[in-house]
Amino acid sequence: MRFNWNNRLFQTQVASAASILLANFFVFIGVITPAWQIAEDLDANRYVQSGLWSYCQTGAQCWYIFSDNLINYYEKVDVCRFLLIGDCRKKLLRTPYFFGWHYAVLTLLLISMAFGMMAVVSSLIGIFKPMKLRITTIIYDVCVFMAWLLLTIGLAVFMINAEMLESKYLIGIKNTFEKTYGYSFYLAGLGMLILTFSMMIGVILTTMIFFTRGGNAAENAYLEQQREKEDYMATQRSQMATTQYYAPSKNTLPRGDLLSVDVRSVSPTSTAFLPHSPGTHGRFIPVDRGTDTFTPTTRHFYSY
C-alpha cells in the first residue's frame, strides 16, 4: 500500500491509532506504579504509596495484592454494635493494604487496555486493507468506546472508595494521616482524557467513511491499484509465453563461415566448404589441380 500523507482519511486513521496507543501507555504506567494514594507517616518517618496491586513504604519491602491473604488484619473476637442484631464484625488490628475494590479497579483497567489494543489493531487493518475499511471502522468505534467506558468506571470506583474512612486515612503510631492522590492516578486520568479525544476522532473517521466520498475513494483507489497490478502481471506472462529462447546444441557445427561465403563464387573444389577436421569419413576432399597435367573433375570420398 502506498501511504499518502496528504490524504485526510489516512491522517485521521493514523491519528486514531496513535492516540489510543498514547492513552494505553499512560494507563499502563499508572497501573504498574504504586502511587495511587500517598501519605507521609511522620510518627514512623516513612513515606507510604498504596497502589492497585502493590503497597510500598520507605525502609520496607513492597507488599503485593497476590500475597495479601497472608496478613491477619483482624482479631478472632467479634465486635458487635449495641442493640444491632447481626451487625458484628472482626475487630480491625490495622488498616488493610488492599480491599475488594482494588481487585475490581485493577480488572476494569486491564480490560480497558485490552479493548484499546483491539481498537489499534482494527485501525491498522483499515489502513493496510482498504477493502475492509468500513467493518474495521465499526469495530474501532465499539472498542474505543468500551475502553473509555471501563476506564471511566474504574476511576470512578477508585475515587468513591478512596474517600471512605478506612481508605482515606493512614493509621500511625500516635496520629492519623490523610492520604492524597498520587501521580499514578493522574496518569490514568490523562489516559482517559486522551481516549475521549480518540472517540471524537472515531466520530470524524466514521463520518468521512460512511457519509462522504472519502471512504469510496479509498476503496476505488485500492481496486484500481490491484487492477493495475493484475494487468501488469498478465502482460509479463504473455511476453514470456511468446518469447522463444534458442540454445545451440553440443553436436552442431559452427556455421559462421558458411553464412559469410558467396555461394555463386565457390567452385566445386573450393575449400570454402572444407570442414574443420579434414579427412573425416564422408566429407568432401578437394583434388590438387595443376596447370600442365590433366586432372579429372571427379569428387573423391573415403570409403570404409
C-alpha atoms as a PDB file:
ATOM      1  CA  MET A   1       0.000   0.000   0.000  1.00  0.00           C
ATOM      2  CA  ARG A   2       1.191   3.478  -0.790  1.00  0.00           C
ATOM      3  CA  PHE A   3       0.897   5.870   2.155  1.00  0.00           C
ATOM      4  CA  ASN A   4      -0.424   9.232   1.094  1.00  0.00           C
ATOM      5  CA  TRP A   5       0.295  11.645   3.926  1.00  0.00           C
ATOM      6  CA  ASN A   6      -1.653  14.364   2.139  1.00  0.00           C
ATOM      7  CA  ASN A   7      -4.850  12.302   2.322  1.00  0.00           C
ATOM      8  CA  ARG A   8      -7.117  13.433   5.169  1.00  0.00           C
ATOM      9  CA  LEU A   9      -8.570   9.962   5.615  1.00  0.00           C
ATOM     10  CA  PHE A  10      -5.124   8.468   6.087  1.00  0.00           C
ATOM     11  CA  GLN A  11      -4.147  11.226   8.516  1.00  0.00           C
ATOM     12  CA  THR A  12      -7.293  10.564  10.566  1.00  0.00           C
ATOM     13  CA  GLN A  13      -6.586   6.833  10.692  1.00  0.00           C
ATOM     14  CA  VAL A  14      -3.024   7.398  11.885  1.00  0.00           C
ATOM     15  CA  ALA A  15      -4.177   9.917  14.484  1.00  0.00           C
ATOM     16  CA  SER A  16      -6.765   7.484  15.849  1.00  0.00           C
ATOM     17  CA  ALA A  17      -4.265   4.652  16.282  1.00  0.00           C
ATOM     18  CA  ALA A  18      -1.584   6.935  17.755  1.00  0.00           C
ATOM     19  CA  SER A  19      -3.962   8.500  20.278  1.00  0.00           C
ATOM     20  CA  ILE A  20      -5.087   5.137  21.630  1.00  0.00           C
ATOM     21  CA  LEU A  21      -1.504   3.916  21.894  1.00  0.00           C
ATOM     22  CA  LEU A  22      -0.640   7.044  23.859  1.00  0.00           C
ATOM     23  CA  ALA A  23      -3.647   6.597  26.150  1.00  0.00           C
ATOM     24  CA  ASN A  24      -2.777   2.942  26.785  1.00  0.00           C
ATOM     25  CA  PHE A  25       0.794   3.944  27.565  1.00  0.00           C
ATOM     26  CA  PHE A  26      -0.269   6.359  30.300  1.00  0.00           C
ATOM     27  CA  VAL A  27      -2.778   3.891  31.749  1.00  0.00           C
ATOM     28  CA  PHE A  28      -0.181   1.126  31.742  1.00  0.00           C
ATOM     29  CA  ILE A  29       2.339   3.297  33.582  1.00  0.00           C
ATOM     30  CA  GLY A  30      -0.372   4.189  36.083  1.00  0.00           C
ATOM     31  CA  VAL A  31      -1.269   0.544  36.691  1.00  0.00           C
ATOM     32  CA  ILE A  32       2.264  -0.733  37.270  1.00  0.00           C
ATOM     33  CA  THR A  33       3.227   2.118  39.648  1.00  0.00           C
ATOM     34  CA  PRO A  34       2.034   2.147  43.295  1.00  0.00           C
ATOM     35  CA  ALA A  35       1.401   5.883  43.736  1.00  0.00           C
ATOM     36  CA  TRP A  36      -2.398   5.895  43.557  1.00  0.00           C
ATOM     37  CA  GLN A  37      -2.680   7.027  47.162  1.00  0.00           C
ATOM     38  CA  ILE A  38       0.240   8.543  49.018  1.00  0.00           C
ATOM     39  CA  ALA A  39       0.755   9.599  52.621  1.00  0.00           C
ATOM     40  CA  GLU A  40       3.644  10.553  54.892  1.00  0.00           C
ATOM     41  CA  ASP A  41       3.735   8.932  58.322  1.00  0.00           C
ATOM     42  CA  LEU A  42       5.529  11.462  60.481  1.00  0.00           C
ATOM     43  CA  ASP A  43       5.424   9.206  63.537  1.00  0.00           C
ATOM     44  CA  ALA A  44       7.470   6.474  61.889  1.00  0.00           C
ATOM     45  CA  ASN A  45       9.197   8.823  59.429  1.00  0.00           C
ATOM     46  CA  ARG A  46       8.105   6.816  56.398  1.00  0.00           C
ATOM     47  CA  TYR A  47       6.552   7.562  53.013  1.00  0.00           C
ATOM     48  CA  VAL A  48       3.675   5.269  52.022  1.00  0.00           C
ATOM     49  CA  GLN A  49       2.465   4.534  48.485  1.00  0.00           C
ATOM     50  CA  SER A  50      -0.713   2.497  48.032  1.00  0.00           C
ATOM     51  CA  GLY A  51      -1.410   1.225  44.519  1.00  0.00           C
ATOM     52  CA  LEU A  52      -3.889  -1.093  42.874  1.00  0.00           C
ATOM     53  CA  TRP A  53      -1.745  -4.190  43.365  1.00  0.00           C
ATOM     54  CA  SER A  54       1.317  -3.070  45.329  1.00  0.00           C
ATOM     55  CA  TYR A  55       1.835  -1.333  48.656  1.00  0.00           C
ATOM     56  CA  CYS A  56       5.234   0.238  49.299  1.00  0.00           C
ATOM     57  CA  GLN A  57       6.695   2.191  52.182  1.00  0.00           C
ATOM     58  CA  THR A  58      10.103   3.663  52.902  1.00  0.00           C
ATOM     59  CA  GLY A  59      12.538   1.328  54.614  1.00  0.00           C
ATOM     60  CA  ALA A  60      10.494  -1.831  53.974  1.00  0.00           C
ATOM     61  CA  GLN A  61       9.784  -4.171  51.123  1.00  0.00           C
ATOM     62  CA  CYS A  62       6.678  -3.765  48.985  1.00  0.00           C
ATOM     63  CA  TRP A  63       3.626  -5.904  49.610  1.00  0.00           C
ATOM     64  CA  TYR A  64       1.601  -7.241  46.711  1.00  0.00           C
ATOM     65  CA  ILE A  65      -2.069  -7.969  46.292  1.00  0.00           C
ATOM     66  CA  PHE A  66      -1.385 -11.596  45.372  1.00  0.00           C
ATOM     67  CA  SER A  67       0.030 -12.323  48.841  1.00  0.00           C
ATOM     68  CA  ASP A  68      -2.396 -10.143  50.781  1.00  0.00           C
ATOM     69  CA  ASN A  69      -4.214 -13.093  52.312  1.00  0.00           C
ATOM     70  CA  LEU A  70      -1.111 -13.959  54.357  1.00  0.00           C
ATOM     71  CA  ILE A  71      -1.674 -10.965  56.623  1.00  0.00           C
ATOM     72  CA  ASN A  72      -4.090 -11.194  59.529  1.00  0.00           C
ATOM     73  CA  TYR A  73      -5.709  -7.803  59.855  1.00  0.00           C
ATOM     74  CA  TYR A  74      -8.405  -8.859  62.293  1.00  0.00           C
ATOM     75  CA  GLU A  75      -8.676 -10.367  65.766  1.00  0.00           C
ATOM     76  CA  LYS A  76     -10.637 -13.508  66.372  1.00  0.00           C
ATOM     77  CA  VAL A  77     -13.104 -11.693  68.670  1.00  0.00           C
ATOM     78  CA  ASP A  78     -16.234 -10.292  67.049  1.00  0.00           C
ATOM     79  CA  VAL A  79     -17.188  -6.712  67.855  1.00  0.00           C
ATOM     80  CA  CYS A  80     -20.940  -6.137  67.761  1.00  0.00           C
ATOM     81  CA  ARG A  81     -22.785  -2.864  67.902  1.00  0.00           C
ATOM     82  CA  PHE A  82     -25.178  -2.340  70.764  1.00  0.00           C
ATOM     83  CA  LEU A  83     -28.823  -3.277  70.013  1.00  0.00           C
ATOM     84  CA  LEU A  84     -27.953  -4.005  66.386  1.00  0.00           C
ATOM     85  CA  ILE A  85     -28.513  -7.695  65.819  1.00  0.00           C
ATOM     86  CA  GLY A  86     -26.358  -9.178  63.094  1.00  0.00           C
ATOM     87  CA  ASP A  87     -24.075  -6.159  62.820  1.00  0.00           C
ATOM     88  CA  CYS A  88     -20.971  -7.906  64.090  1.00  0.00           C
ATOM     89  CA  ARG A  89     -17.540  -7.787  62.527  1.00  0.00           C
ATOM     90  CA  LYS A  90     -13.996  -8.685  63.375  1.00  0.00           C
ATOM     91  CA  LYS A  91     -12.003  -6.169  65.317  1.00  0.00           C
ATOM     92  CA  LEU A  92      -9.597  -4.434  62.976  1.00  0.00           C
ATOM     93  CA  LEU A  93      -5.972  -4.590  64.097  1.00  0.00           C
ATOM     94  CA  ARG A  94      -4.635  -2.276  61.382  1.00  0.00           C
ATOM     95  CA  THR A  95      -5.659  -0.815  58.058  1.00  0.00           C
ATOM     96  CA  PRO A  96      -5.616  -3.456  55.302  1.00  0.00           C
ATOM     97  CA  TYR A  97      -3.311  -2.884  52.394  1.00  0.00           C
ATOM     98  CA  PHE A  98      -5.927  -3.898  49.818  1.00  0.00           C
ATOM     99  CA  PHE A  99      -9.697  -4.028  49.704  1.00  0.00           C
ATOM    100  CA  GLY A 100     -12.097  -5.733  47.361  1.00  0.00           C
ATOM    101  CA  TRP A 101     -12.478  -2.646  45.218  1.00  0.00           C
ATOM    102  CA  HIS A 102      -8.735  -2.726  44.455  1.00  0.00           C
ATOM    103  CA  TYR A 103      -9.300  -6.006  42.612  1.00  0.00           C
ATOM    104  CA  ALA A 104     -12.297  -4.530  40.760  1.00  0.00           C
ATOM    105  CA  VAL A 105     -10.467  -1.397  39.629  1.00  0.00           C
ATOM    106  CA  LEU A 106      -7.416  -3.379  38.517  1.00  0.00           C
ATOM    107  CA  THR A 107      -9.599  -5.738  36.485  1.00  0.00           C
ATOM    108  CA  LEU A 108     -11.507  -2.888  34.842  1.00  0.00           C
ATOM    109  CA  LEU A 109      -8.318  -1.096  33.821  1.00  0.00           C
ATOM    110  CA  LEU A 110      -6.752  -4.232  32.347  1.00  0.00           C
ATOM    111  CA  ILE A 111      -9.862  -4.958  30.273  1.00  0.00           C
ATOM    112  CA  SER A 112      -9.910  -1.321  29.169  1.00  0.00           C
ATOM    113  CA  MET A 113      -6.347  -1.584  27.874  1.00  0.00           C
ATOM    114  CA  ALA A 114      -7.270  -4.809  26.048  1.00  0.00           C
ATOM    115  CA  PHE A 115     -10.108  -3.018  24.238  1.00  0.00           C
ATOM    116  CA  GLY A 116      -7.701  -0.202  23.426  1.00  0.00           C
ATOM    117  CA  MET A 117      -5.295  -2.602  21.739  1.00  0.00           C
ATOM    118  CA  MET A 118      -8.166  -4.146  19.782  1.00  0.00           C
ATOM    119  CA  ALA A 119      -9.065  -0.666  18.547  1.00  0.00           C
ATOM    120  CA  VAL A 120      -5.457  -0.089  17.448  1.00  0.00           C
ATOM    121  CA  VAL A 121      -5.367  -3.394  15.559  1.00  0.00           C
ATOM    122  CA  SER A 122      -8.654  -2.641  13.784  1.00  0.00           C
ATOM    123  CA  SER A 123      -7.353   0.796  12.797  1.00  0.00           C
ATOM    124  CA  LEU A 124      -4.157  -0.688  11.345  1.00  0.00           C
ATOM    125  CA  ILE A 125      -6.134  -3.295   9.405  1.00  0.00           C
ATOM    126  CA  GLY A 126      -8.217  -0.478   7.942  1.00  0.00           C
ATOM    127  CA  ILE A 127      -5.020   1.256   6.816  1.00  0.00           C
ATOM    128  CA  PHE A 128      -3.447  -1.774   5.137  1.00  0.00           C
ATOM    129  CA  LYS A 129      -6.719  -3.315   3.883  1.00  0.00           C
ATOM    130  CA  PRO A 130      -8.900  -0.528   2.435  1.00  0.00           C
ATOM    131  CA  MET A 131     -11.493  -3.060   1.304  1.00  0.00           C
ATOM    132  CA  LYS A 132     -12.262  -3.773   4.977  1.00  0.00           C
ATOM    133  CA  LEU A 133     -12.307  -0.114   5.970  1.00  0.00           C
ATOM    134  CA  ARG A 134     -15.993   0.034   6.854  1.00  0.00           C
ATOM    135  CA  ILE A 135     -16.098  -3.001   9.133  1.00  0.00           C
ATOM    136  CA  THR A 136     -12.826  -2.069  10.832  1.00  0.00           C
ATOM    137  CA  THR A 137     -14.162   1.432  11.498  1.00  0.00           C
ATOM    138  CA  ILE A 138     -17.212  -0.006  13.238  1.00  0.00           C
ATOM    139  CA  ILE A 139     -15.003  -2.297  15.333  1.00  0.00           C
ATOM    140  CA  TYR A 140     -12.777   0.656  16.172  1.00  0.00           C
ATOM    141  CA  ASP A 141     -15.712   2.747  17.383  1.00  0.00           C
ATOM    142  CA  VAL A 142     -17.038  -0.045  19.598  1.00  0.00           C
ATOM    143  CA  CYS A 143     -13.638  -0.896  21.086  1.00  0.00           C
ATOM    144  CA  VAL A 144     -12.612   2.676  21.827  1.00  0.00           C
ATOM    145  CA  PHE A 145     -15.980   3.366  23.466  1.00  0.00           C
ATOM    146  CA  MET A 146     -15.691   0.260  25.644  1.00  0.00           C
ATOM    147  CA  ALA A 147     -12.112   1.187  26.598  1.00  0.00           C
ATOM    148  CA  TRP A 148     -13.209   4.689  27.599  1.00  0.00           C
ATOM    149  CA  LEU A 149     -16.277   3.436  29.467  1.00  0.00           C
ATOM    150  CA  LEU A 150     -14.430   0.791  31.504  1.00  0.00           C
ATOM    151  CA  LEU A 151     -11.603   3.192  32.323  1.00  0.00           C
ATOM    152  CA  THR A 152     -14.073   5.842  33.454  1.00  0.00           C
ATOM    153  CA  ILE A 153     -15.970   3.344  35.627  1.00  0.00           C
ATOM    154  CA  GLY A 154     -12.720   2.086  37.145  1.00  0.00           C
ATOM    155  CA  LEU A 155     -11.526   5.580  38.041  1.00  0.00           C
ATOM    156  CA  ALA A 156     -14.958   6.445  39.457  1.00  0.00           C
ATOM    157  CA  VAL A 157     -14.942   3.328  41.648  1.00  0.00           C
ATOM    158  CA  PHE A 158     -11.473   4.210  42.865  1.00  0.00           C
ATOM    159  CA  MET A 159     -12.381   7.796  43.706  1.00  0.00           C
ATOM    160  CA  ILE A 160     -15.539   6.790  45.584  1.00  0.00           C
ATOM    161  CA  ASN A 161     -13.796   4.171  47.703  1.00  0.00           C
ATOM    162  CA  ALA A 162     -10.680   6.269  48.225  1.00  0.00           C
ATOM    163  CA  GLU A 163     -12.843   8.764  50.135  1.00  0.00           C
ATOM    164  CA  MET A 164     -14.001   6.130  52.611  1.00  0.00           C
ATOM    165  CA  LEU A 165     -12.597   6.369  56.132  1.00  0.00           C
ATOM    166  CA  GLU A 166     -10.734   3.042  56.012  1.00  0.00           C
ATOM    167  CA  SER A 167      -9.028   4.061  52.755  1.00  0.00           C
ATOM    168  CA  LYS A 168      -8.625   7.806  53.151  1.00  0.00           C
ATOM    169  CA  TYR A 169      -6.557   7.802  56.332  1.00  0.00           C
ATOM    170  CA  LEU A 170      -3.347   6.101  57.375  1.00  0.00           C
ATOM    171  CA  ILE A 171      -3.284   4.978  60.995  1.00  0.00           C
ATOM    172  CA  GLY A 172       0.089   5.775  62.513  1.00  0.00           C
ATOM    173  CA  ILE A 173       1.591   5.048  65.908  1.00  0.00           C
ATOM    174  CA  LYS A 174       0.138   8.156  67.563  1.00  0.00           C
ATOM    175  CA  ASN A 175      -1.623  10.108  64.864  1.00  0.00           C
ATOM    176  CA  THR A 176      -3.706   9.555  61.760  1.00  0.00           C
ATOM    177  CA  PHE A 177      -2.558  10.901  58.396  1.00  0.00           C
ATOM    178  CA  GLU A 178      -4.657  11.672  55.349  1.00  0.00           C
ATOM    179  CA  LYS A 179      -3.912  10.017  52.038  1.00  0.00           C
ATOM    180  CA  THR A 180      -3.900  12.031  48.820  1.00  0.00           C
ATOM    181  CA  TYR A 181      -3.975  11.071  45.152  1.00  0.00           C
ATOM    182  CA  GLY A 182      -0.598  10.255  43.617  1.00  0.00           C
ATOM    183  CA  TYR A 183       0.829  10.579  40.124  1.00  0.00           C
ATOM    184  CA  SER A 184      -0.366   7.092  39.106  1.00  0.00           C
ATOM    185  CA  PHE A 185      -3.989   8.188  39.448  1.00  0.00           C
ATOM    186  CA  TYR A 186      -3.373  11.320  37.389  1.00  0.00           C
ATOM    187  CA  LEU A 187      -1.613   9.318  34.658  1.00  0.00           C
ATOM    188  CA  ALA A 188      -4.659   7.080  34.341  1.00  0.00           C
ATOM    189  CA  GLY A 189      -6.874  10.167  34.289  1.00  0.00           C
ATOM    190  CA  LEU A 190      -4.736  11.604  31.484  1.00  0.00           C
ATOM    191  CA  GLY A 191      -5.209   8.347  29.569  1.00  0.00           C
ATOM    192  CA  MET A 192      -8.990   8.691  29.977  1.00  0.00           C
ATOM    193  CA  LEU A 193      -8.819  12.241  28.616  1.00  0.00           C
ATOM    194  CA  ILE A 194      -6.857  11.081  25.565  1.00  0.00           C
ATOM    195  CA  LEU A 195      -9.398   8.293  24.988  1.00  0.00           C
ATOM    196  CA  THR A 196     -12.088  10.965  24.940  1.00  0.00           C
ATOM    197  CA  PHE A 197     -10.285  12.643  22.041  1.00  0.00           C
ATOM    198  CA  SER A 198      -9.907   9.207  20.413  1.00  0.00           C
ATOM    199  CA  MET A 199     -13.680   8.806  20.450  1.00  0.00           C
ATOM    200  CA  MET A 200     -14.042  12.204  18.806  1.00  0.00           C
ATOM    201  CA  ILE A 201     -11.552  11.135  16.142  1.00  0.00           C
ATOM    202  CA  GLY A 202     -13.604   7.962  15.701  1.00  0.00           C
ATOM    203  CA  VAL A 203     -16.724  10.031  15.058  1.00  0.00           C
ATOM    204  CA  ILE A 204     -14.860  12.069  12.431  1.00  0.00           C
ATOM    205  CA  LEU A 205     -13.477   8.900  10.835  1.00  0.00           C
ATOM    206  CA  THR A 206     -16.921   7.291  10.707  1.00  0.00           C
ATOM    207  CA  THR A 207     -18.390  10.415   9.116  1.00  0.00           C
ATOM    208  CA  MET A 208     -15.655  10.519   6.467  1.00  0.00           C
ATOM    209  CA  ILE A 209     -16.129   6.869   5.521  1.00  0.00           C
ATOM    210  CA  PHE A 210     -19.902   6.446   5.614  1.00  0.00           C
ATOM    211  CA  PHE A 211     -21.188   9.932   4.790  1.00  0.00           C
ATOM    212  CA  THR A 212     -18.568  11.370   2.431  1.00  0.00           C
ATOM    213  CA  ARG A 213     -16.750  10.228  -0.679  1.00  0.00           C
ATOM    214  CA  GLY A 214     -13.520   9.628   1.205  1.00  0.00           C
ATOM    215  CA  GLY A 215     -14.271   6.010   2.038  1.00  0.00           C
ATOM    216  CA  ASN A 216     -15.415   5.175  -1.508  1.00  0.00           C
ATOM    217  CA  ALA A 217     -12.388   6.974  -2.912  1.00  0.00           C
ATOM    218  CA  ALA A 218     -10.061   4.866  -0.779  1.00  0.00           C
ATOM    219  CA  GLU A 219     -11.759   1.647  -1.883  1.00  0.00           C
ATOM    220  CA  ASN A 220     -11.719   2.726  -5.538  1.00  0.00           C
ATOM    221  CA  ALA A 221      -8.038   3.650  -5.322  1.00  0.00           C
ATOM    222  CA  TYR A 222      -7.229   0.263  -3.817  1.00  0.00           C
ATOM    223  CA  LEU A 223      -9.237  -1.555  -6.513  1.00  0.00           C
ATOM    224  CA  GLU A 224      -7.530   0.465  -9.236  1.00  0.00           C
ATOM    225  CA  GLN A 225      -4.130  -0.366  -7.785  1.00  0.00           C
ATOM    226  CA  GLN A 226      -4.953  -4.075  -7.671  1.00  0.00           C
ATOM    227  CA  ARG A 227      -6.300  -3.916 -11.231  1.00  0.00           C
ATOM    228  CA  GLU A 228      -3.111  -2.289 -12.490  1.00  0.00           C
ATOM    229  CA  LYS A 229      -1.050  -4.916 -10.719  1.00  0.00           C
ATOM    230  CA  GLU A 230      -3.048  -7.754 -12.294  1.00  0.00           C
ATOM    231  CA  ASP A 231      -2.754  -6.174 -15.762  1.00  0.00           C
ATOM    232  CA  TYR A 232       0.992  -5.834 -15.350  1.00  0.00           C
ATOM    233  CA  MET A 233       1.364  -9.477 -14.303  1.00  0.00           C
ATOM    234  CA  ALA A 234      -0.787 -10.626 -17.227  1.00  0.00           C
ATOM    235  CA  THR A 235       1.373  -8.631 -19.646  1.00  0.00           C
ATOM    236  CA  GLN A 236       4.531 -10.173 -18.238  1.00  0.00           C
ATOM    237  CA  ARG A 237       3.112 -13.689 -18.542  1.00  0.00           C
ATOM    238  CA  SER A 238       2.072 -13.110 -22.174  1.00  0.00           C
ATOM    239  CA  GLN A 239       5.515 -11.787 -23.083  1.00  0.00           C
ATOM    240  CA  MET A 240       7.206 -14.785 -21.513  1.00  0.00           C
ATOM    241  CA  ALA A 241       4.869 -17.137 -23.396  1.00  0.00           C
ATOM    242  CA  THR A 242       5.578 -15.571 -26.815  1.00  0.00           C
ATOM    243  CA  THR A 243       9.332 -15.196 -26.380  1.00  0.00           C
ATOM    244  CA  GLN A 244      11.421 -18.210 -27.519  1.00  0.00           C
ATOM    245  CA  TYR A 245      14.941 -18.835 -26.375  1.00  0.00           C
ATOM    246  CA  TYR A 246      17.263 -20.911 -28.657  1.00  0.00           C
ATOM    247  CA  ALA A 247      20.373 -22.601 -27.316  1.00  0.00           C
ATOM    248  CA  PRO A 248      22.941 -24.211 -29.701  1.00  0.00           C
ATOM    249  CA  SER A 249      23.320 -27.971 -29.486  1.00  0.00           C
ATOM    250  CA  LYS A 250      26.626 -29.565 -28.494  1.00  0.00           C
ATOM    251  CA  ASN A 251      26.804 -31.544 -31.777  1.00  0.00           C
ATOM    252  CA  THR A 252      26.016 -28.583 -34.036  1.00  0.00           C
ATOM    253  CA  LEU A 253      28.866 -27.419 -36.207  1.00  0.00           C
ATOM    254  CA  PRO A 254      29.562 -23.696 -36.393  1.00  0.00           C
ATOM    255  CA  ARG A 255      28.002 -22.160 -39.496  1.00  0.00           C
ATOM    256  CA  GLY A 256      29.510 -18.705 -39.420  1.00  0.00           C
ATOM    257  CA  ASP A 257      31.873 -19.455 -42.307  1.00  0.00           C
ATOM    258  CA  LEU A 258      29.085 -20.793 -44.480  1.00  0.00           C
ATOM    259  CA  LEU A 259      26.925 -17.741 -43.992  1.00  0.00           C
ATOM    260  CA  SER A 260      29.762 -15.406 -44.895  1.00  0.00           C
ATOM    261  CA  VAL A 261      30.603 -17.101 -48.245  1.00  0.00           C
ATOM    262  CA  ASP A 262      29.041 -16.137 -51.556  1.00  0.00           C
ATOM    263  CA  VAL A 263      27.835 -19.453 -52.958  1.00  0.00           C
ATOM    264  CA  ARG A 264      27.860 -18.210 -56.544  1.00  0.00           C
ATOM    265  CA  SER A 265      31.652 -17.653 -56.442  1.00  0.00           C
ATOM    266  CA  VAL A 266      32.500 -21.041 -54.937  1.00  0.00           C
ATOM    267  CA  SER A 267      33.847 -23.765 -57.225  1.00  0.00           C
ATOM    268  CA  PRO A 268      33.238 -27.460 -56.585  1.00  0.00           C
ATOM    269  CA  THR A 269      36.825 -27.879 -55.398  1.00  0.00           C
ATOM    270  CA  SER A 270      36.926 -24.763 -53.297  1.00  0.00           C
ATOM    271  CA  THR A 271      37.971 -25.042 -49.653  1.00  0.00           C
ATOM    272  CA  ALA A 272      35.157 -22.784 -48.507  1.00  0.00           C
ATOM    273  CA  PHE A 273      33.098 -25.821 -47.566  1.00  0.00           C
ATOM    274  CA  LEU A 274      36.041 -27.633 -46.071  1.00  0.00           C
ATOM    275  CA  PRO A 275      35.131 -28.883 -42.634  1.00  0.00           C
ATOM    276  CA  HIS A 276      37.261 -28.115 -39.578  1.00  0.00           C
ATOM    277  CA  SER A 277      38.604 -31.707 -39.493  1.00  0.00           C
ATOM    278  CA  PRO A 278      39.960 -32.694 -42.956  1.00  0.00           C
ATOM    279  CA  GLY A 279      39.945 -36.341 -43.669  1.00  0.00           C
ATOM    280  CA  THR A 280      36.766 -37.160 -41.853  1.00  0.00           C
ATOM    281  CA  HIS A 281      34.890 -40.045 -43.454  1.00  0.00           C
ATOM    282  CA  GLY A 282      32.105 -38.961 -45.772  1.00  0.00           C
ATOM    283  CA  ARG A 283      33.433 -35.439 -46.184  1.00  0.00           C
ATOM    284  CA  PHE A 284      34.433 -33.746 -49.468  1.00  0.00           C
ATOM    285  CA  ILE A 285      38.181 -33.872 -50.238  1.00  0.00           C
ATOM    286  CA  PRO A 286      39.397 -31.323 -52.831  1.00  0.00           C
ATOM    287  CA  VAL A 287      41.786 -32.525 -55.529  1.00  0.00           C
ATOM    288  CA  ASP A 288      45.029 -30.704 -56.213  1.00  0.00           C
ATOM    289  CA  ARG A 289      44.559 -29.083 -59.581  1.00  0.00           C
ATOM    290  CA  GLY A 290      47.778 -28.462 -61.600  1.00  0.00           C
ATOM    291  CA  THR A 291      48.392 -26.289 -64.657  1.00  0.00           C
ATOM    292  CA  ASP A 292      50.162 -28.738 -67.035  1.00  0.00           C
ATOM    293  CA  THR A 293      48.594 -32.074 -66.234  1.00  0.00           C
ATOM    294  CA  PHE A 294      45.123 -33.295 -66.897  1.00  0.00           C
ATOM    295  CA  THR A 295      43.126 -33.868 -63.770  1.00  0.00           C
ATOM    296  CA  PRO A 296      39.598 -35.243 -63.857  1.00  0.00           C
ATOM    297  CA  THR A 297      36.898 -33.318 -62.052  1.00  0.00           C
ATOM    298  CA  THR A 298      35.694 -36.257 -60.091  1.00  0.00           C
ATOM    299  CA  ARG A 299      34.811 -35.974 -56.421  1.00  0.00           C
ATOM    300  CA  HIS A 300      36.660 -38.410 -54.238  1.00  0.00           C
ATOM    301  CA  PHE A 301      35.279 -39.811 -50.986  1.00  0.00           C
ATOM    302  CA  TYR A 302      36.841 -42.029 -48.455  1.00  0.00           C
ATOM    303  CA  SER A 303      35.184 -45.414 -48.061  1.00  0.00           C
ATOM    304  CA  TYR A 304      35.152 -47.848 -45.233  1.00  0.00           C
END
